[in-house]
Amino acid sequence: MNSLGIPPWVWSPLWVSLHAAFEATIVVAVVGIALGYVLAKGRFPGRGAIETVLSLPMALPPTVVGLFLLTRLGGPGPIRNAEVHLFGHPLTFTFTGIVVAQVVESFPYCVRFSRAAISTVDPRFEQAARAMGLSRVRIALLVTLPLARRGIVAGVAMAFGRALGDFGATMIVGGSVPMATTMPIALYNAVFYGSHEQAMVLALVQLGVAFGILFGVSRLGKLRPW
């Protein structure tokens, strides 16, 4: 056990899960909020098609997403060549690989929540800021995004929860190597090898984390505006 009294078979996958989900969420938040703003404010051909393509991981089984990533990241081609050039090895069955899988799986949640929140911002506030001489970038940063903060933060939180709980894509891309064994994979292994008590503990830990995320998201809707 570590200094917190947590056995290593719980702490190790929990740490991997939190670490990977945190890194994936940073990428998802930066790119997803920006793309959500473009989809909410932009008027250009193919906008609906782009949003549909970005939302595909929400409708596809995670194993299908994982298989696609496995063939792209690990199969022959320019993507694998770029990985070898940058990292010295393919990203499949590595910690970075599961981060990539979790980014793909959680990205639609941040984009859709952000787009929906930004779309509901009263345009009169933006018009007033424009009349004061603020640039489009400053209006976005100082007016639109702060007013849409609840939906954006909820989207980021849901993306984090989705990354933390992903199994199918993470399992296919990362496998069961120790450095890429997340909580869902550890739970699957415990059940597969008959360690039912360990499986129950792992399930309860994940239940607690999921409850905390959903409870935090529900509280966002009750906060008063600034």
Protein backbone atom coordinates (compact mmCIF):
# COMPACT_ATOMS: atom_id res chain seq x y z
CA MET A 1 0.00 0.00 0.00
CA ASN A 2 1.05 3.62 -0.54
CA SER A 3 1.07 6.44 2.03
CA LEU A 4 -2.70 6.86 1.56
CA GLY A 5 -3.36 3.22 2.40
CA ILE A 6 -4.55 2.41 -1.13
CA PRO A 7 -3.43 -1.01 -2.45
CA PRO A 8 -1.30 -0.88 -5.61
CA TRP A 9 -3.85 -2.83 -7.67
CA VAL A 10 -6.23 0.10 -7.10
CA TRP A 11 -3.84 3.02 -7.01
CA SER A 12 -1.85 2.14 -10.15
CA PRO A 13 -4.81 1.94 -12.58
CA LEU A 14 -6.51 4.86 -10.83
CA TRP A 15 -3.43 7.01 -11.33
CA VAL A 16 -3.13 5.96 -14.97
CA SER A 17 -6.82 6.72 -15.53
CA LEU A 18 -6.71 10.15 -13.88
CA HIS A 19 -3.43 11.08 -15.59
CA ALA A 20 -4.60 10.01 -19.05
CA ALA A 21 -8.07 11.55 -18.67
CA PHE A 22 -6.55 14.83 -17.45
CA GLU A 23 -4.19 15.08 -20.42
CA ALA A 24 -6.96 14.10 -22.85
CA THR A 25 -9.30 16.69 -21.34
CA ILE A 26 -6.75 19.49 -21.75
CA VAL A 27 -6.52 18.74 -25.48
CA VAL A 28 -10.28 18.31 -25.80
CA ALA A 29 -11.02 21.54 -23.93
CA VAL A 30 -8.66 23.73 -25.97
CA VAL A 31 -9.67 22.36 -29.37
CA GLY A 32 -13.29 21.53 -28.53
CA ILE A 33 -14.24 24.95 -27.16
CA ALA A 34 -12.64 26.70 -30.12
CA LEU A 35 -14.40 24.41 -32.58
CA GLY A 36 -17.68 24.74 -30.69
CA TYR A 37 -17.41 28.51 -31.05
CA VAL A 38 -16.77 28.22 -34.79
CA LEU A 39 -19.75 25.89 -35.25
CA ALA A 40 -22.01 28.15 -33.19
CA LYS A 41 -21.02 31.45 -34.79
CA GLY A 42 -19.83 30.45 -38.24
CA ARG A 43 -22.03 30.32 -41.29
CA PHE A 44 -20.36 28.21 -43.95
CA PRO A 45 -21.24 25.27 -46.21
CA GLY A 46 -20.81 21.86 -44.67
CA ARG A 47 -21.12 23.01 -41.07
CA GLY A 48 -23.73 20.34 -40.32
CA ALA A 49 -21.65 17.64 -41.98
CA ILE A 50 -18.60 18.62 -39.91
CA GLU A 51 -20.57 18.42 -36.68
CA THR A 52 -21.99 15.05 -37.71
CA VAL A 53 -18.53 13.62 -38.41
CA LEU A 54 -17.20 14.96 -35.10
CA SER A 55 -20.15 13.37 -33.27
CA LEU A 56 -19.62 9.89 -34.74
CA PRO A 57 -17.75 8.52 -31.67
CA MET A 58 -20.92 9.14 -29.64
CA ALA A 59 -22.91 6.79 -31.91
CA LEU A 60 -20.27 4.19 -32.76
CA PRO A 61 -19.33 1.36 -30.39
CA PRO A 62 -16.01 2.24 -28.68
CA THR A 63 -14.53 -0.97 -30.08
CA VAL A 64 -15.12 0.31 -33.62
CA VAL A 65 -13.36 3.58 -32.75
CA GLY A 66 -10.55 1.60 -31.16
CA LEU A 67 -10.15 -0.64 -34.21
CA PHE A 68 -9.95 2.38 -36.51
CA LEU A 69 -7.33 4.02 -34.28
CA LEU A 70 -5.37 0.76 -34.03
CA THR A 71 -5.16 0.44 -37.81
CA ARG A 72 -4.28 4.11 -38.26
CA LEU A 73 -1.78 4.42 -35.40
CA GLY A 74 -0.25 0.96 -35.66
CA GLY A 75 -0.69 0.01 -39.29
CA PRO A 76 1.65 0.95 -42.12
CA GLY A 77 1.22 4.43 -43.50
CA PRO A 78 2.15 8.10 -43.04
CA ILE A 79 0.59 8.38 -39.56
CA ARG A 80 2.66 5.52 -38.17
CA ASN A 81 5.76 6.87 -39.92
CA ALA A 82 5.19 10.26 -38.27
CA GLU A 83 4.83 8.58 -34.87
CA VAL A 84 8.10 6.70 -35.28
CA HIS A 85 9.83 9.90 -36.41
CA LEU A 86 8.53 11.93 -33.45
CA PHE A 87 8.46 9.36 -30.64
CA GLY A 88 10.75 6.60 -31.89
CA HIS A 89 7.94 4.01 -31.82
CA PRO A 90 4.26 3.61 -32.73
CA LEU A 91 1.72 4.93 -30.22
CA THR A 92 -0.22 1.68 -29.96
CA PHE A 93 0.08 -0.11 -26.59
CA THR A 94 1.53 3.00 -24.92
CA PHE A 95 0.26 5.58 -22.46
CA THR A 96 0.21 8.21 -25.20
CA GLY A 97 -1.89 5.89 -27.31
CA ILE A 98 -4.63 5.66 -24.69
CA VAL A 99 -4.61 9.45 -24.36
CA VAL A 100 -5.24 9.67 -28.11
CA ALA A 101 -8.08 7.14 -27.82
CA GLN A 102 -9.66 9.07 -24.96
CA VAL A 103 -9.36 12.35 -26.85
CA VAL A 104 -11.29 10.87 -29.78
CA GLU A 105 -13.94 9.33 -27.53
CA SER A 106 -14.53 12.41 -25.35
CA PHE A 107 -14.12 15.15 -27.97
CA PRO A 108 -17.77 15.18 -29.19
CA TYR A 109 -19.11 15.93 -25.71
CA CYS A 110 -17.06 19.09 -25.31
CA VAL A 111 -17.81 20.29 -28.83
CA ARG A 112 -21.57 19.75 -28.60
CA PHE A 113 -21.94 21.22 -25.11
CA SER A 114 -19.80 24.23 -26.06
CA ARG A 115 -21.66 24.84 -29.31
CA ALA A 116 -25.04 24.62 -27.58
CA ALA A 117 -23.97 26.95 -24.75
CA ILE A 118 -22.46 29.53 -27.08
CA SER A 119 -25.53 29.46 -29.32
CA THR A 120 -27.76 30.49 -26.40
CA VAL A 121 -25.77 33.66 -25.57
CA ASP A 122 -27.93 36.74 -26.12
CA PRO A 123 -26.47 38.46 -29.23
CA ARG A 124 -27.36 41.87 -27.78
CA PHE A 125 -24.44 41.61 -25.36
CA GLU A 126 -22.08 40.92 -28.23
CA GLN A 127 -23.57 43.78 -30.26
CA ALA A 128 -23.05 46.14 -27.34
CA ALA A 129 -19.43 45.05 -27.03
CA ARG A 130 -18.98 45.51 -30.78
CA ALA A 131 -20.41 49.03 -30.51
CA MET A 132 -17.78 49.78 -27.84
CA GLY A 133 -15.09 48.96 -30.39
CA LEU A 134 -14.01 45.54 -29.12
CA SER A 135 -12.52 43.17 -31.67
CA ARG A 136 -14.12 39.83 -32.47
CA VAL A 137 -11.47 37.98 -30.49
CA ARG A 138 -11.96 40.17 -27.41
CA ILE A 139 -15.73 39.82 -27.66
CA ALA A 140 -15.35 36.05 -27.74
CA LEU A 141 -12.96 35.99 -24.77
CA LEU A 142 -14.56 38.69 -22.62
CA VAL A 143 -18.26 38.37 -23.45
CA THR A 144 -19.36 35.21 -25.26
CA LEU A 145 -17.32 32.54 -23.50
CA PRO A 146 -17.90 33.90 -19.97
CA LEU A 147 -21.65 34.03 -20.59
CA ALA A 148 -21.57 30.46 -21.90
CA ARG A 149 -19.31 29.24 -19.11
CA ARG A 150 -21.82 26.87 -17.46
CA GLY A 151 -22.42 24.82 -20.58
CA ILE A 152 -18.74 24.90 -21.51
CA VAL A 153 -17.59 23.73 -18.08
CA ALA A 154 -20.28 21.03 -18.10
CA GLY A 155 -19.03 19.86 -21.49
CA VAL A 156 -15.44 19.71 -20.28
CA ALA A 157 -16.53 17.81 -17.17
CA MET A 158 -18.54 15.33 -19.23
CA ALA A 159 -15.58 14.89 -21.58
CA PHE A 160 -13.36 14.14 -18.58
CA GLY A 161 -15.86 11.60 -17.30
CA ARG A 162 -16.11 9.97 -20.73
CA ALA A 163 -12.33 9.73 -21.02
CA LEU A 164 -12.05 8.34 -17.51
CA GLY A 165 -14.65 5.64 -18.14
CA ASP A 166 -13.69 4.57 -21.66
CA PHE A 167 -12.97 0.87 -22.06
CA GLY A 168 -13.40 -0.32 -25.65
CA ALA A 169 -11.18 2.11 -27.54
CA THR A 170 -8.64 2.28 -24.71
CA MET A 171 -8.42 -1.50 -24.46
CA ILE A 172 -7.83 -1.99 -28.17
CA VAL A 173 -5.30 0.82 -28.54
CA GLY A 174 -3.54 0.46 -25.17
CA GLY A 175 -3.92 -3.22 -24.39
CA SER A 176 -3.22 -4.40 -20.84
CA VAL A 177 0.39 -3.30 -20.42
CA PRO A 178 0.90 -1.84 -16.89
CA MET A 179 1.66 1.69 -18.06
CA ALA A 180 -1.62 1.74 -20.03
CA THR A 181 -3.90 -0.18 -17.67
CA THR A 182 -6.78 2.11 -16.71
CA MET A 183 -9.48 1.42 -14.13
CA PRO A 184 -11.97 -0.07 -16.63
CA ILE A 185 -9.27 -2.37 -18.01
CA ALA A 186 -8.20 -3.38 -14.49
CA LEU A 187 -11.84 -4.15 -13.67
CA TYR A 188 -12.16 -6.30 -16.79
CA ASN A 189 -8.96 -8.18 -15.92
CA ALA A 190 -10.15 -8.77 -12.35
CA VAL A 191 -13.44 -10.24 -13.58
CA PHE A 192 -11.72 -12.29 -16.29
CA TYR A 193 -9.25 -13.85 -13.83
CA GLY A 194 -11.89 -14.46 -11.13
CA SER A 195 -10.79 -11.78 -8.64
CA HIS A 196 -14.35 -10.81 -7.82
CA GLU A 197 -13.54 -8.93 -4.59
CA GLN A 198 -10.98 -6.77 -6.39
CA ALA A 199 -13.45 -6.23 -9.20
CA MET A 200 -16.08 -5.01 -6.74
CA VAL A 201 -13.64 -2.58 -5.13
CA LEU A 202 -12.57 -1.22 -8.53
CA ALA A 203 -16.22 -0.86 -9.56
CA LEU A 204 -17.08 1.03 -6.38
CA VAL A 205 -14.14 3.40 -6.86
CA GLN A 206 -15.26 4.13 -10.41
CA LEU A 207 -18.85 4.57 -9.21
CA GLY A 208 -17.68 7.13 -6.66
CA VAL A 209 -15.67 9.06 -9.24
CA ALA A 210 -18.57 9.04 -11.72
CA PHE A 211 -20.99 10.23 -9.04
CA GLY A 212 -18.64 13.06 -8.13
CA ILE A 213 -18.39 14.20 -11.75
CA LEU A 214 -22.14 14.09 -12.38
CA PHE A 215 -22.90 15.80 -9.07
CA GLY A 216 -20.45 18.56 -9.91
CA VAL A 217 -22.02 19.03 -13.34
CA SER A 218 -25.51 19.22 -11.81
CA ARG A 219 -24.30 21.90 -9.40
CA LEU A 220 -23.11 24.04 -12.29
CA GLY A 221 -26.69 24.59 -13.39
CA LYS A 222 -27.60 25.98 -9.96
CA LEU A 223 -24.81 28.53 -9.71
CA ARG A 224 -25.77 32.16 -9.99
CA PRO A 225 -24.27 34.11 -12.86
CA TRP A 226 -21.36 36.42 -12.13
